[in-house]
Amino acid sequence: MNKTELISKVAAKSGLSKKDAEKSINAFIESVTESLKSGNDVQLIGFGSFQVKQRAAREGRNPKTGEPLKIAAANVPSFKAGQNLKDAVK
């Protein structure tokens, strides 16, 4: 499912117009992004939690030449599914 399909589905389930559903989804995405940028986790009980994890620096290899290269440390967003979501997908 892509973003357009998600907007259509949310609009149909909630009775909102597609424009209002798109505004809601965009606001949700922006809010989660801003929270993660500021170092806060976002927990949606039963659904899951978004958090920022630190990935350590490591050494990799250029797949074309096989030559070693250094991969810098980075902060990466991650999502951990909640129990209700895990049970629903089983």
C-alpha atoms as a PDB file:
ATOM      1  CA  MET A   1       0.000   0.000   0.000  1.00  0.00           C
ATOM      2  CA  ASN A   2       1.380   3.393  -0.933  1.00  0.00           C
ATOM      3  CA  LYS A   3       0.510   6.784   0.548  1.00  0.00           C
ATOM      4  CA  THR A   4      -2.299   7.498  -1.945  1.00  0.00           C
ATOM      5  CA  GLU A   5      -3.944   4.159  -1.211  1.00  0.00           C
ATOM      6  CA  LEU A   6      -3.583   4.780   2.527  1.00  0.00           C
ATOM      7  CA  ILE A   7      -5.254   8.184   2.187  1.00  0.00           C
ATOM      8  CA  SER A   8      -8.159   6.611   0.284  1.00  0.00           C
ATOM      9  CA  LYS A   9      -8.572   3.873   2.875  1.00  0.00           C
ATOM     10  CA  VAL A  10      -8.447   6.288   5.825  1.00  0.00           C
ATOM     11  CA  ALA A  11     -10.979   8.559   4.100  1.00  0.00           C
ATOM     12  CA  ALA A  12     -13.343   5.637   3.493  1.00  0.00           C
ATOM     13  CA  LYS A  13     -13.073   4.259   7.043  1.00  0.00           C
ATOM     14  CA  SER A  14     -13.335   7.611   8.819  1.00  0.00           C
ATOM     15  CA  GLY A  15     -15.883   9.356   6.633  1.00  0.00           C
ATOM     16  CA  LEU A  16     -13.440  12.216   6.009  1.00  0.00           C
ATOM     17  CA  SER A  17     -12.825  13.710   2.606  1.00  0.00           C
ATOM     18  CA  LYS A  18      -9.626  12.608   0.892  1.00  0.00           C
ATOM     19  CA  LYS A  19      -8.199  16.116   1.429  1.00  0.00           C
ATOM     20  CA  ASP A  20      -8.855  15.958   5.172  1.00  0.00           C
ATOM     21  CA  ALA A  21      -7.473  12.419   5.386  1.00  0.00           C
ATOM     22  CA  GLU A  22      -4.326  13.542   3.555  1.00  0.00           C
ATOM     23  CA  LYS A  23      -3.919  16.491   5.948  1.00  0.00           C
ATOM     24  CA  SER A  24      -4.272  14.135   8.916  1.00  0.00           C
ATOM     25  CA  ILE A  25      -1.737  11.647   7.604  1.00  0.00           C
ATOM     26  CA  ASN A  26       0.733  14.414   6.700  1.00  0.00           C
ATOM     27  CA  ALA A  27       0.314  15.955  10.167  1.00  0.00           C
ATOM     28  CA  PHE A  28       0.965  12.550  11.765  1.00  0.00           C
ATOM     29  CA  ILE A  29       4.123  12.013   9.697  1.00  0.00           C
ATOM     30  CA  GLU A  30       5.407  15.528  10.451  1.00  0.00           C
ATOM     31  CA  SER A  31       4.699  15.147  14.173  1.00  0.00           C
ATOM     32  CA  VAL A  32       6.523  11.814  14.402  1.00  0.00           C
ATOM     33  CA  THR A  33       9.450  13.201  12.402  1.00  0.00           C
ATOM     34  CA  GLU A  34       9.758  16.300  14.603  1.00  0.00           C
ATOM     35  CA  SER A  35       9.582  14.208  17.754  1.00  0.00           C
ATOM     36  CA  LEU A  36      12.299  11.830  16.551  1.00  0.00           C
ATOM     37  CA  LYS A  37      14.488  14.766  15.448  1.00  0.00           C
ATOM     38  CA  SER A  38      14.292  16.228  18.944  1.00  0.00           C
ATOM     39  CA  GLY A  39      15.322  12.893  20.468  1.00  0.00           C
ATOM     40  CA  ASN A  40      11.926  11.770  21.783  1.00  0.00           C
ATOM     41  CA  ASP A  41      10.308   8.398  21.164  1.00  0.00           C
ATOM     42  CA  VAL A  42       6.723   8.076  19.939  1.00  0.00           C
ATOM     43  CA  GLN A  43       4.714   5.275  21.580  1.00  0.00           C
ATOM     44  CA  LEU A  44       1.306   4.243  20.298  1.00  0.00           C
ATOM     45  CA  ILE A  45       0.090   1.630  22.773  1.00  0.00           C
ATOM     46  CA  GLY A  46      -1.045  -1.502  20.965  1.00  0.00           C
ATOM     47  CA  PHE A  47       0.350  -0.355  17.618  1.00  0.00           C
ATOM     48  CA  GLY A  48       4.062   0.176  18.210  1.00  0.00           C
ATOM     49  CA  SER A  49       6.783   2.678  18.908  1.00  0.00           C
ATOM     50  CA  PHE A  50       9.059   4.817  16.778  1.00  0.00           C
ATOM     51  CA  GLN A  51      12.523   5.590  18.091  1.00  0.00           C
ATOM     52  CA  VAL A  52      15.966   6.700  16.984  1.00  0.00           C
ATOM     53  CA  LYS A  53      18.772   4.185  17.319  1.00  0.00           C
ATOM     54  CA  GLN A  54      22.466   4.797  16.955  1.00  0.00           C
ATOM     55  CA  ARG A  55      24.298   2.705  14.415  1.00  0.00           C
ATOM     56  CA  ALA A  56      27.997   2.367  15.202  1.00  0.00           C
ATOM     57  CA  ALA A  57      30.723   3.120  12.679  1.00  0.00           C
ATOM     58  CA  ARG A  58      31.879   0.045  10.841  1.00  0.00           C
ATOM     59  CA  GLU A  59      34.035  -1.106   7.998  1.00  0.00           C
ATOM     60  CA  GLY A  60      32.403  -2.219   4.775  1.00  0.00           C
ATOM     61  CA  ARG A  61      33.502  -3.209   1.314  1.00  0.00           C
ATOM     62  CA  ASN A  62      32.889  -1.635  -2.052  1.00  0.00           C
ATOM     63  CA  PRO A  63      30.942  -4.386  -3.848  1.00  0.00           C
ATOM     64  CA  LYS A  64      32.410  -3.444  -7.215  1.00  0.00           C
ATOM     65  CA  THR A  65      36.099  -3.370  -6.296  1.00  0.00           C
ATOM     66  CA  GLY A  66      36.176  -5.249  -2.992  1.00  0.00           C
ATOM     67  CA  GLU A  67      38.166  -2.394  -1.491  1.00  0.00           C
ATOM     68  CA  PRO A  68      37.486  -1.709   2.221  1.00  0.00           C
ATOM     69  CA  LEU A  69      35.825   1.554   3.205  1.00  0.00           C
ATOM     70  CA  LYS A  70      34.695   3.171   6.436  1.00  0.00           C
ATOM     71  CA  ILE A  71      30.980   3.631   7.052  1.00  0.00           C
ATOM     72  CA  ALA A  72      30.302   6.490   9.456  1.00  0.00           C
ATOM     73  CA  ALA A  73      28.171   6.183  12.584  1.00  0.00           C
ATOM     74  CA  ALA A  74      24.587   7.314  12.086  1.00  0.00           C
ATOM     75  CA  ASN A  75      21.304   7.850  13.851  1.00  0.00           C
ATOM     76  CA  VAL A  76      18.545   5.819  12.182  1.00  0.00           C
ATOM     77  CA  PRO A  77      14.791   5.716  12.798  1.00  0.00           C
ATOM     78  CA  SER A  78      13.297   2.384  13.793  1.00  0.00           C
ATOM     79  CA  PHE A  79       9.844   0.972  14.463  1.00  0.00           C
ATOM     80  CA  LYS A  80       9.004  -1.768  16.935  1.00  0.00           C
ATOM     81  CA  ALA A  81       5.567  -3.323  16.511  1.00  0.00           C
ATOM     82  CA  GLY A  82       3.260  -3.512  19.538  1.00  0.00           C
ATOM     83  CA  GLN A  83       1.656  -6.733  20.738  1.00  0.00           C
ATOM     84  CA  ASN A  84      -1.792  -5.975  19.240  1.00  0.00           C
ATOM     85  CA  LEU A  85      -0.235  -5.382  15.799  1.00  0.00           C
ATOM     86  CA  LYS A  86       1.852  -8.545  16.065  1.00  0.00           C
ATOM     87  CA  ASP A  87      -1.226 -10.579  17.005  1.00  0.00           C
ATOM     88  CA  ALA A  88      -3.283  -9.089  14.156  1.00  0.00           C
ATOM     89  CA  VAL A  89      -0.658 -10.034  11.568  1.00  0.00           C
ATOM     90  CA  LYS A  90      -0.175 -13.638  12.694  1.00  0.00           C
END
